[in-house]
Amino acid sequence: MTVIIRDLRPDAPADLEGFARVRHLALPFILVTPDSLVHELTHLHPDAHYRPLVAVADEEVIGTAQVHLSHESTEPGQGNINVYVHPEHTRRGAGTLLVRAAEEHLAAHGATRLHSWVLDEPGNRAFAERHGYRASRSAHFLRLDLAGGALPPRQDPPPGVELRRGTDFADDPRPLFELDAETVADEPSDVDYEFTDYEAWLAETWRHPLFSPELTSVAVADGRPVAFTAARTDGGTRYGTAMTGTARAFRGRGLAKLAKNDSLHRARAAGYREAFTGNDTGNAPMIAINEWFGYEVCGTEVRHVRELG
């Protein structure tokens, strides 16, 4: 079987459906659709040098790689490679070919350190180590049975706080951008990020086809957003939270929990049956919140790093 590595073709339905299928089979905890793939390919910032790759055998997509630079990082040269191969087509060289092509692309654009999320399974970790990557931090995927599970009862906001929806900010999303930027800066990470490009955030986050402003919940105090849960859906029965956070001056008041509970209740009422989220294993406060909701760990990834040169 000959494996060919090439760029994902956004105008080819078979490519898009094949990429989404491989990602779902290898990583069923992440929401991805053909529309979301096209959007990311056409709207990610040029400085990311984003290049999704596919491994093709007998005209079937059997492997994928998402390849880009962390253009929002305060430290230049941070590259990202996330490779996933169809579970029925492993050990045929597709992963190695994808890694090689991805590394060459990032090195050509100035990458000096490469980061890759790897499923916490012996074969996957051994594959990363053989290619010169060392393990660092880890993160959990969590799942909640929205259809059959019991959510905590809804609570009224405390005095001075009101709950609003993302749609309420449609005319001016900038306050949500500013809150998102503040919370991302404090999120556990091995790369420091600084969100300063509002137009890029609009293109990559606010207008993303999976983003649901209707199911996004925002706690507002003193006339501005102070906590939020950003919701995504796959257009079917799966719901995910892309980010949940609170402004520094308002932490410790349960506002993130309030916003997330509101969003989950509305997602269930809208017919979504599964909820997914993710947490760095060192983010104890958010893990505790998700356990309170009834989320259970359904998978773990380990961040791996390789220095170039």
Protein backbone atom coordinates (compact mmCIF):
# COMPACT_ATOMS: atom_id res chain seq x y z
CA MET A 1 0.00 0.00 0.00
CA THR A 2 1.47 3.34 -1.09
CA VAL A 3 0.82 6.26 1.24
CA ILE A 4 0.83 9.78 -0.21
CA ILE A 5 1.09 12.92 1.92
CA ARG A 6 -0.48 16.09 0.55
CA ASP A 7 -2.36 19.22 1.55
CA LEU A 8 -6.00 19.01 2.54
CA ARG A 9 -8.10 20.26 -0.40
CA PRO A 10 -10.89 22.55 0.88
CA ASP A 11 -12.83 22.17 -2.37
CA ALA A 12 -12.85 18.36 -2.21
CA PRO A 13 -15.74 16.93 -0.12
CA ALA A 14 -14.02 13.53 0.10
CA ASP A 15 -10.96 15.18 1.69
CA LEU A 16 -13.02 17.13 4.21
CA GLU A 17 -15.23 14.21 5.14
CA GLY A 18 -12.23 11.89 5.35
CA PHE A 19 -10.30 14.31 7.58
CA ALA A 20 -13.29 14.75 9.89
CA ARG A 21 -13.90 10.98 10.01
CA VAL A 22 -10.30 10.17 10.96
CA ARG A 23 -10.28 12.84 13.64
CA HIS A 24 -13.56 11.54 15.08
CA LEU A 25 -12.39 7.92 15.14
CA ALA A 26 -9.02 8.75 16.68
CA LEU A 27 -10.25 11.51 18.99
CA PRO A 28 -14.03 11.27 19.51
CA PHE A 29 -13.99 13.91 22.24
CA ILE A 30 -13.35 16.83 19.85
CA LEU A 31 -16.00 18.48 17.67
CA VAL A 32 -14.98 18.74 14.02
CA THR A 33 -16.99 19.03 10.82
CA PRO A 34 -16.15 19.64 7.15
CA ASP A 35 -17.40 23.22 7.53
CA SER A 36 -15.15 23.84 10.52
CA LEU A 37 -12.15 22.52 8.58
CA VAL A 38 -12.82 24.87 5.67
CA HIS A 39 -13.26 27.80 8.02
CA GLU A 40 -9.98 27.17 9.82
CA LEU A 41 -8.09 26.69 6.57
CA THR A 42 -9.39 29.94 5.11
CA HIS A 43 -9.54 32.15 8.21
CA LEU A 44 -6.62 31.35 10.50
CA HIS A 45 -4.13 34.21 10.69
CA PRO A 46 -1.52 34.18 7.90
CA ASP A 47 1.26 34.27 10.50
CA ALA A 48 0.10 30.83 11.70
CA HIS A 49 1.21 29.32 8.38
CA TYR A 50 -1.54 26.79 8.93
CA ARG A 51 -1.20 23.69 6.77
CA PRO A 52 -3.54 20.74 7.32
CA LEU A 53 -2.13 17.56 5.78
CA VAL A 54 -3.68 14.26 4.84
CA ALA A 55 -2.22 10.80 4.34
CA VAL A 56 -3.99 9.05 1.48
CA ALA A 57 -3.88 5.36 0.50
CA ASP A 58 -6.01 3.84 -2.25
CA GLU A 59 -7.81 7.21 -2.53
CA GLU A 60 -8.88 7.04 1.13
CA VAL A 61 -7.82 9.53 3.80
CA ILE A 62 -6.18 7.41 6.50
CA GLY A 63 -4.26 10.06 8.43
CA THR A 64 -4.35 13.75 9.27
CA ALA A 65 -2.06 16.45 10.64
CA GLN A 66 -2.91 19.92 11.85
CA VAL A 67 0.22 22.04 11.49
CA HIS A 68 0.69 25.67 12.46
CA LEU A 69 2.76 28.23 14.35
CA SER A 70 1.47 29.74 17.60
CA HIS A 71 1.35 33.25 16.19
CA GLU A 72 -0.22 34.63 19.40
CA SER A 73 2.73 33.41 21.49
CA THR A 74 4.94 35.99 23.19
CA GLU A 75 7.89 33.74 22.31
CA PRO A 76 8.46 33.29 18.55
CA GLY A 77 9.21 29.97 16.92
CA GLN A 78 6.56 27.83 18.67
CA GLY A 79 5.19 25.21 16.28
CA ASN A 80 2.34 22.72 16.65
CA ILE A 81 1.88 19.29 15.10
CA ASN A 82 -1.12 17.12 15.93
CA VAL A 83 -1.16 13.85 14.02
CA TYR A 84 -3.98 11.29 14.05
CA VAL A 85 -4.22 8.10 12.01
CA HIS A 86 -7.28 5.98 11.32
CA PRO A 87 -7.24 3.19 13.97
CA GLU A 88 -7.46 0.52 11.24
CA HIS A 89 -4.46 1.94 9.34
CA THR A 90 -1.80 2.34 12.01
CA ARG A 91 1.71 0.86 11.72
CA ARG A 92 1.83 1.50 7.96
CA GLY A 93 4.09 4.55 7.99
CA ALA A 94 1.42 7.21 7.56
CA GLY A 95 2.14 8.85 10.92
CA THR A 96 5.88 9.05 10.29
CA LEU A 97 5.36 10.59 6.86
CA LEU A 98 2.95 13.15 8.27
CA VAL A 99 5.36 14.12 11.07
CA ARG A 100 8.23 14.49 8.60
CA ALA A 101 6.25 16.74 6.25
CA ALA A 102 4.90 18.81 9.15
CA GLU A 103 8.34 19.34 10.69
CA GLU A 104 9.81 20.44 7.37
CA HIS A 105 7.00 22.96 6.88
CA LEU A 106 7.35 24.47 10.35
CA ALA A 107 11.14 24.57 10.26
CA ALA A 108 10.95 26.44 6.94
CA HIS A 109 8.84 29.08 8.67
CA GLY A 110 11.15 29.60 11.63
CA ALA A 111 9.95 27.09 14.21
CA THR A 112 12.52 26.23 16.87
CA ARG A 113 10.33 24.25 19.26
CA LEU A 114 7.58 21.84 18.28
CA HIS A 115 4.60 20.86 20.43
CA SER A 116 2.35 17.87 19.88
CA TRP A 117 -0.62 16.46 21.78
CA VAL A 118 -0.38 12.67 22.00
CA LEU A 119 -2.99 10.28 23.38
CA ASP A 120 -1.86 8.80 26.68
CA GLU A 121 -1.55 5.27 25.35
CA PRO A 122 1.66 3.21 25.17
CA GLY A 123 1.79 2.99 21.38
CA ASN A 124 1.14 6.69 20.83
CA ARG A 125 3.67 7.79 23.43
CA ALA A 126 6.29 5.41 22.08
CA PHE A 127 5.71 6.82 18.58
CA ALA A 128 6.34 10.36 19.83
CA GLU A 129 9.48 9.36 21.70
CA ARG A 130 10.90 7.59 18.64
CA HIS A 131 10.58 10.86 16.76
CA GLY A 132 12.49 12.84 19.37
CA TYR A 133 9.60 14.26 21.41
CA ARG A 134 9.67 14.34 25.22
CA ALA A 135 6.58 14.31 27.42
CA SER A 136 5.57 17.39 29.39
CA ARG A 137 2.17 18.36 30.79
CA SER A 138 -1.10 16.51 30.25
CA ALA A 139 -4.81 17.25 29.85
CA HIS A 140 -8.06 15.35 30.29
CA PHE A 141 -11.04 15.06 27.98
CA LEU A 142 -14.31 14.92 29.90
CA ARG A 143 -17.79 13.81 28.88
CA LEU A 144 -21.19 14.49 30.40
CA ASP A 145 -24.35 12.55 29.56
CA LEU A 146 -26.72 15.45 28.94
CA ALA A 147 -29.64 13.27 27.89
CA GLY A 148 -29.58 10.79 30.76
CA GLY A 149 -27.66 12.53 33.52
CA ALA A 150 -28.86 14.96 36.16
CA LEU A 151 -27.64 18.56 36.13
CA PRO A 152 -27.41 20.67 39.28
CA PRO A 153 -30.49 22.87 39.65
CA ARG A 154 -30.33 26.30 38.06
CA GLN A 155 -29.51 29.12 40.45
CA ASP A 156 -30.36 32.79 40.45
CA PRO A 157 -27.41 35.15 39.94
CA PRO A 158 -26.16 36.96 43.06
CA PRO A 159 -27.11 40.62 43.54
CA GLY A 160 -25.52 42.87 40.96
CA VAL A 161 -24.97 40.04 38.45
CA GLU A 162 -27.14 39.09 35.48
CA LEU A 163 -26.90 36.20 33.04
CA ARG A 164 -26.92 37.00 29.35
CA ARG A 165 -26.36 35.09 26.12
CA GLY A 166 -23.62 35.49 23.60
CA THR A 167 -26.20 36.70 21.10
CA ASP A 168 -26.72 39.77 23.28
CA PHE A 169 -23.22 40.89 22.22
CA ALA A 170 -23.73 40.38 18.48
CA ASP A 171 -23.51 44.10 17.74
CA ASP A 172 -20.28 44.52 19.72
CA PRO A 173 -18.43 41.34 20.79
CA ARG A 174 -15.32 43.25 21.90
CA PRO A 175 -16.12 42.97 25.65
CA LEU A 176 -16.18 39.17 25.24
CA PHE A 177 -12.87 39.31 23.36
CA GLU A 178 -11.30 41.25 26.23
CA LEU A 179 -12.59 38.75 28.81
CA ASP A 180 -11.44 35.80 26.68
CA ALA A 181 -7.98 37.34 26.32
CA GLU A 182 -7.67 37.82 30.09
CA THR A 183 -8.70 34.28 30.94
CA VAL A 184 -6.54 32.65 28.24
CA ALA A 185 -3.51 34.50 29.60
CA ASP A 186 -4.01 32.74 32.95
CA GLU A 187 -4.78 29.27 31.60
CA PRO A 188 -2.15 26.57 32.35
CA SER A 189 0.10 26.21 29.31
CA ASP A 190 3.69 25.60 28.26
CA VAL A 191 3.39 28.49 25.78
CA ASP A 192 2.56 32.04 26.84
CA TYR A 193 -0.21 33.57 24.73
CA GLU A 194 -1.22 37.18 24.32
CA PHE A 195 -4.46 37.86 22.46
CA THR A 196 -4.28 41.40 21.08
CA ASP A 197 -5.69 41.03 17.56
CA TYR A 198 -9.43 41.63 17.78
CA GLU A 199 -10.04 41.09 14.07
CA ALA A 200 -8.27 37.72 14.18
CA TRP A 201 -10.38 36.71 17.19
CA LEU A 202 -13.55 37.64 15.32
CA ALA A 203 -12.50 35.50 12.34
CA GLU A 204 -11.14 32.53 14.27
CA THR A 205 -13.46 32.38 17.28
CA TRP A 206 -16.61 34.49 17.01
CA ARG A 207 -17.38 33.54 13.41
CA HIS A 208 -16.27 29.93 13.71
CA PRO A 209 -19.05 27.66 12.36
CA LEU A 210 -19.05 25.50 15.50
CA PHE A 211 -19.38 28.47 17.86
CA SER A 212 -22.86 28.89 19.33
CA PRO A 213 -23.53 32.43 20.59
CA GLU A 214 -27.06 31.28 21.45
CA LEU A 215 -25.78 28.68 23.94
CA THR A 216 -22.87 30.79 25.20
CA SER A 217 -23.63 32.14 28.68
CA VAL A 218 -22.16 35.33 30.10
CA ALA A 219 -22.29 36.72 33.64
CA VAL A 220 -22.38 40.52 33.59
CA ALA A 221 -21.54 42.81 36.51
CA ASP A 222 -20.74 46.50 36.65
CA GLY A 223 -21.92 46.75 33.06
CA ARG A 224 -19.36 44.32 31.61
CA PRO A 225 -18.85 40.57 31.13
CA VAL A 226 -17.01 39.06 34.09
CA ALA A 227 -17.46 35.29 33.54
CA PHE A 228 -18.49 33.14 30.60
CA THR A 229 -18.82 29.73 29.02
CA ALA A 230 -18.19 29.69 25.28
CA ALA A 231 -20.26 26.94 23.65
CA ARG A 232 -19.71 24.97 20.46
CA THR A 233 -21.96 22.43 18.75
CA ASP A 234 -21.58 20.07 15.81
CA GLY A 235 -25.05 20.81 14.46
CA GLY A 236 -26.21 17.37 15.62
CA THR A 237 -26.39 16.14 19.21
CA ARG A 238 -22.91 17.04 20.52
CA TYR A 239 -22.14 20.15 22.56
CA GLY A 240 -18.77 21.34 23.85
CA THR A 241 -17.36 24.15 25.92
CA ALA A 242 -14.39 25.77 24.24
CA MET A 243 -13.55 28.00 27.21
CA THR A 244 -14.91 28.80 30.65
CA GLY A 245 -13.38 31.58 32.68
CA THR A 246 -13.74 34.52 35.03
CA ALA A 247 -12.13 37.95 35.12
CA ARG A 248 -9.39 38.11 37.77
CA ALA A 249 -11.22 40.66 39.96
CA PHE A 250 -14.34 38.44 40.15
CA ARG A 251 -12.86 35.02 40.83
CA GLY A 252 -13.91 32.94 43.80
CA ARG A 253 -17.58 33.93 43.60
CA GLY A 254 -18.89 30.93 41.65
CA LEU A 255 -19.66 32.95 38.52
CA ALA A 256 -18.01 30.53 36.08
CA LYS A 257 -20.06 27.71 37.57
CA LEU A 258 -23.19 29.85 37.28
CA ALA A 259 -22.56 30.59 33.59
CA LYS A 260 -21.69 26.99 32.73
CA ASN A 261 -24.74 25.60 34.48
CA ASP A 262 -26.96 28.01 32.57
CA SER A 263 -25.41 26.99 29.25
CA LEU A 264 -25.67 23.26 30.00
CA HIS A 265 -29.34 23.51 30.93
CA ARG A 266 -30.12 25.40 27.75
CA ALA A 267 -28.10 22.93 25.65
CA ARG A 268 -30.06 20.00 27.08
CA ALA A 269 -33.34 21.80 26.44
CA ALA A 270 -32.23 22.35 22.84
CA GLY A 271 -31.80 18.59 22.34
CA TYR A 272 -28.05 18.10 22.75
CA ARG A 273 -27.29 14.70 24.25
CA GLU A 274 -23.55 14.77 25.00
CA ALA A 275 -21.35 17.51 26.45
CA PHE A 276 -17.57 17.56 26.11
CA THR A 277 -14.87 19.70 27.63
CA GLY A 278 -11.17 19.54 28.43
CA ASN A 279 -8.96 20.50 31.36
CA ASP A 280 -5.26 20.65 32.00
CA THR A 281 -4.59 18.01 34.65
CA GLY A 282 -3.10 20.75 36.84
CA ASN A 283 -6.19 22.96 36.65
CA ALA A 284 -7.73 21.71 39.89
CA PRO A 285 -10.39 24.44 40.25
CA MET A 286 -11.92 23.78 36.84
CA ILE A 287 -11.69 20.00 37.24
CA ALA A 288 -13.60 20.33 40.52
CA ILE A 289 -16.29 22.40 38.81
CA ASN A 290 -16.70 19.85 36.03
CA GLU A 291 -16.87 16.94 38.48
CA TRP A 292 -19.61 18.86 40.32
CA PHE A 293 -21.57 18.91 37.07
CA GLY A 294 -21.07 15.17 36.62
CA TYR A 295 -18.42 15.15 33.90
CA GLU A 296 -16.23 12.05 33.78
CA VAL A 297 -12.75 11.70 32.29
CA CYS A 298 -13.00 9.87 28.97
CA GLY A 299 -9.47 10.31 27.66
CA THR A 300 -6.10 11.91 28.34
CA GLU A 301 -3.51 13.52 26.10
CA VAL A 302 0.11 14.26 26.93
CA ARG A 303 1.84 17.29 25.48
CA HIS A 304 5.16 16.39 23.87
CA VAL A 305 7.93 18.81 22.92
CA ARG A 306 10.85 18.65 20.53
CA GLU A 307 13.60 21.23 20.18
CA LEU A 308 14.84 21.86 16.64
CA GLY A 309 18.49 22.53 15.91
